[in-house]
Amino acid sequence: MPTKVLFFDFVDTIADVSAVPRESLKAYAQKCRAIAEGREAFSKPEFDGKWIGAHIPSVACDALVQLRRMVQIVVLTNSPLAFVTEISRRSAVEWDAILCAEMFKQCKPSPTVYRGACELMRVEPSEAVMVAAHPFDVAGAEACGLKGFLLGNGGLLSDLAQHLSNGF
């Protein structure tokens, strides 16, 4: 089936968080992992002022504009909605939708998140691609029937348009 939706992880995939202190990133990742593994009940992550330096690089903004002409582009993230909205607004990035873990009361890579995102966007998993810089995220989506695109290791946002043109 042709791709109808590209789901994008946000932190590290779209948003550059290199200015965020390492300890804040590590605590965030550990909390999300504990929730996804059922070791901790869901609670909305709180991003303090240390995350203010996060931004979307212009090369990513340009690639997203091009991709949005081809398919729906949707954020699918463990990050809080307010954080994603603010960073996207500052970078003038327009999404077709922003879906956050807080909507599902679960964190990726839980199947609940990927399946719920497909249901909300009214697509079959085979019609969606999860784009992420984290192997666990791509693997979690693929286990639910979505296609996966791993950024890094040679995968670039600019490559996605070519893959879509070739029937990805």
Protein backbone atom coordinates (compact mmCIF):
# COMPACT_ATOMS: atom_id res chain seq x y z
CA MET A 1 0.00 0.00 0.00
CA PRO A 2 1.27 3.50 -0.70
CA THR A 3 2.36 5.64 2.21
CA LYS A 4 -0.26 8.14 3.39
CA VAL A 5 1.32 9.33 6.65
CA LEU A 6 4.83 9.93 7.91
CA PHE A 7 4.99 9.80 11.71
CA PHE A 8 8.00 11.69 13.07
CA ASP A 9 9.59 11.28 16.44
CA PHE A 10 10.52 14.72 17.75
CA VAL A 11 13.47 14.76 20.17
CA ASP A 12 16.72 14.02 18.27
CA THR A 13 14.82 13.21 15.07
CA ILE A 14 13.37 16.64 14.24
CA ALA A 15 14.34 18.82 17.20
CA ASP A 16 18.01 19.49 17.87
CA VAL A 17 18.38 19.11 21.62
CA SER A 18 22.18 19.42 21.76
CA ALA A 19 21.80 22.55 23.95
CA VAL A 20 19.76 20.62 26.54
CA PRO A 21 21.86 19.37 29.48
CA ARG A 22 22.73 15.69 29.16
CA GLU A 23 21.29 14.84 32.59
CA SER A 24 17.88 16.24 31.55
CA LEU A 25 17.89 14.14 28.36
CA LYS A 26 18.92 11.02 30.28
CA ALA A 27 16.21 11.47 32.95
CA TYR A 28 13.57 11.99 30.24
CA ALA A 29 14.64 8.85 28.34
CA GLN A 30 14.69 6.73 31.51
CA LYS A 31 11.21 7.88 32.53
CA CYS A 32 9.76 7.10 29.08
CA ARG A 33 11.40 3.67 29.05
CA ALA A 34 10.04 2.84 32.53
CA ILE A 35 6.51 3.82 31.46
CA ALA A 36 6.69 1.86 28.19
CA GLU A 37 7.96 -1.22 30.04
CA GLY A 38 5.18 -0.99 32.65
CA ARG A 39 7.59 -0.33 35.55
CA GLU A 40 6.02 3.08 36.18
CA ALA A 41 2.53 4.50 35.76
CA PHE A 42 2.08 7.13 33.07
CA SER A 43 2.67 10.71 34.08
CA LYS A 44 3.14 13.59 31.70
CA PRO A 45 6.82 14.49 31.33
CA GLU A 46 7.64 17.99 32.53
CA PHE A 47 10.22 19.93 30.58
CA ASP A 48 11.81 22.68 32.63
CA GLY A 49 13.64 25.76 31.39
CA LYS A 50 16.69 23.64 30.56
CA TRP A 51 14.94 22.55 27.33
CA ILE A 52 14.61 26.11 26.02
CA GLY A 53 17.57 25.72 23.62
CA ALA A 54 15.85 22.99 21.60
CA HIS A 55 15.10 23.99 18.02
CA ILE A 56 14.35 22.58 14.57
CA PRO A 57 17.30 23.09 12.19
CA SER A 58 16.52 24.90 8.93
CA VAL A 59 17.54 21.87 6.83
CA ALA A 60 14.85 19.82 8.61
CA CYS A 61 12.29 22.61 8.12
CA ASP A 62 13.02 22.65 4.38
CA ALA A 63 12.74 18.86 4.08
CA LEU A 64 9.44 18.83 5.98
CA VAL A 65 7.92 21.42 3.62
CA GLN A 66 8.86 19.20 0.67
CA LEU A 67 7.52 16.04 2.32
CA ARG A 68 4.25 17.71 3.31
CA ARG A 69 3.52 18.28 -0.37
CA MET A 70 3.61 14.49 -0.84
CA VAL A 71 1.94 13.01 2.28
CA GLN A 72 0.63 13.96 5.69
CA ILE A 73 3.39 14.72 8.20
CA VAL A 74 2.54 14.01 11.82
CA VAL A 75 4.55 14.24 15.03
CA LEU A 76 4.34 11.07 17.12
CA THR A 77 6.33 11.70 20.26
CA ASN A 78 6.74 11.00 23.93
CA SER A 79 7.33 14.73 24.45
CA PRO A 80 4.65 17.02 25.91
CA LEU A 81 2.29 18.69 23.44
CA ALA A 82 3.13 22.18 24.71
CA PHE A 83 6.86 21.59 24.09
CA VAL A 84 6.37 20.30 20.53
CA THR A 85 3.92 23.08 19.71
CA GLU A 86 6.26 25.80 20.99
CA ILE A 87 9.37 24.51 19.20
CA SER A 88 7.41 24.00 15.97
CA ARG A 89 5.85 27.46 16.20
CA ARG A 90 9.24 29.12 16.74
CA SER A 91 10.57 27.29 13.67
CA ALA A 92 7.46 27.96 11.55
CA VAL A 93 6.93 24.24 10.95
CA GLU A 94 3.37 23.22 10.12
CA TRP A 95 2.28 19.69 10.92
CA ASP A 96 -0.89 17.94 9.81
CA ALA A 97 -1.21 16.71 13.39
CA ILE A 98 0.76 16.45 16.62
CA LEU A 99 0.18 13.24 18.56
CA CYS A 100 1.82 12.85 21.95
CA ALA A 101 2.19 10.01 24.40
CA GLU A 102 0.04 11.94 26.87
CA MET A 103 -2.91 11.34 24.50
CA PHE A 104 -2.43 7.57 24.82
CA LYS A 105 -1.34 7.51 28.50
CA GLN A 106 1.61 5.40 27.36
CA CYS A 107 5.09 5.94 25.89
CA LYS A 108 6.75 4.59 22.78
CA PRO A 109 7.71 1.88 22.02
CA SER A 110 4.44 0.58 23.46
CA PRO A 111 2.20 -0.80 20.68
CA THR A 112 -0.65 1.27 22.16
CA VAL A 113 0.99 4.45 20.84
CA TYR A 114 1.64 3.27 17.25
CA ARG A 115 -1.75 1.58 16.87
CA GLY A 116 -3.54 4.55 18.42
CA ALA A 117 -1.78 6.95 16.06
CA CYS A 118 -2.85 4.93 13.01
CA GLU A 119 -6.44 4.82 14.30
CA LEU A 120 -6.53 8.58 14.90
CA MET A 121 -5.11 9.30 11.43
CA ARG A 122 -7.47 6.69 9.89
CA VAL A 123 -4.75 4.73 8.13
CA GLU A 124 -3.74 1.11 8.14
CA PRO A 125 -0.31 0.50 9.71
CA SER A 126 1.00 -0.54 6.27
CA GLU A 127 0.13 2.97 5.01
CA ALA A 128 2.32 4.69 7.61
CA VAL A 129 6.05 5.17 8.14
CA MET A 130 7.69 5.86 11.50
CA VAL A 131 10.66 8.17 11.02
CA ALA A 132 13.02 8.24 13.99
CA ALA A 133 16.64 8.57 15.03
CA HIS A 134 16.16 5.85 17.66
CA PRO A 135 16.30 2.18 16.64
CA PHE A 136 13.86 1.19 19.44
CA ASP A 137 11.24 3.54 17.97
CA VAL A 138 11.54 2.19 14.43
CA ALA A 139 11.55 -1.40 15.71
CA GLY A 140 8.45 -0.76 17.86
CA ALA A 141 6.57 0.68 14.90
CA GLU A 142 7.64 -2.14 12.57
CA ALA A 143 6.42 -4.70 15.13
CA CYS A 144 2.97 -3.08 14.76
CA GLY A 145 3.02 -3.28 10.95
CA LEU A 146 4.23 0.24 10.14
CA LYS A 147 7.17 0.82 7.84
CA GLY A 148 10.26 2.28 9.47
CA PHE A 149 12.87 4.82 8.40
CA LEU A 150 15.89 5.21 10.67
CA LEU A 151 17.61 8.57 10.49
CA GLY A 152 21.36 8.46 10.98
CA ASN A 153 23.54 5.70 9.61
CA GLY A 154 23.05 7.19 6.15
CA GLY A 155 19.32 7.91 6.43
CA LEU A 156 18.54 11.59 5.86
CA LEU A 157 15.27 13.49 5.85
CA SER A 158 16.04 14.54 2.29
CA ASP A 159 16.15 10.83 1.30
CA LEU A 160 12.52 10.31 2.34
CA ALA A 161 11.12 12.14 -0.69
CA GLN A 162 13.03 9.80 -2.98
CA HIS A 163 11.80 6.74 -1.08
CA LEU A 164 8.22 8.00 -1.29
CA SER A 165 8.58 8.57 -5.05
CA ASN A 166 9.76 4.98 -5.37
CA GLY A 167 6.68 3.60 -3.61
CA PHE A 168 7.90 3.44 0.01
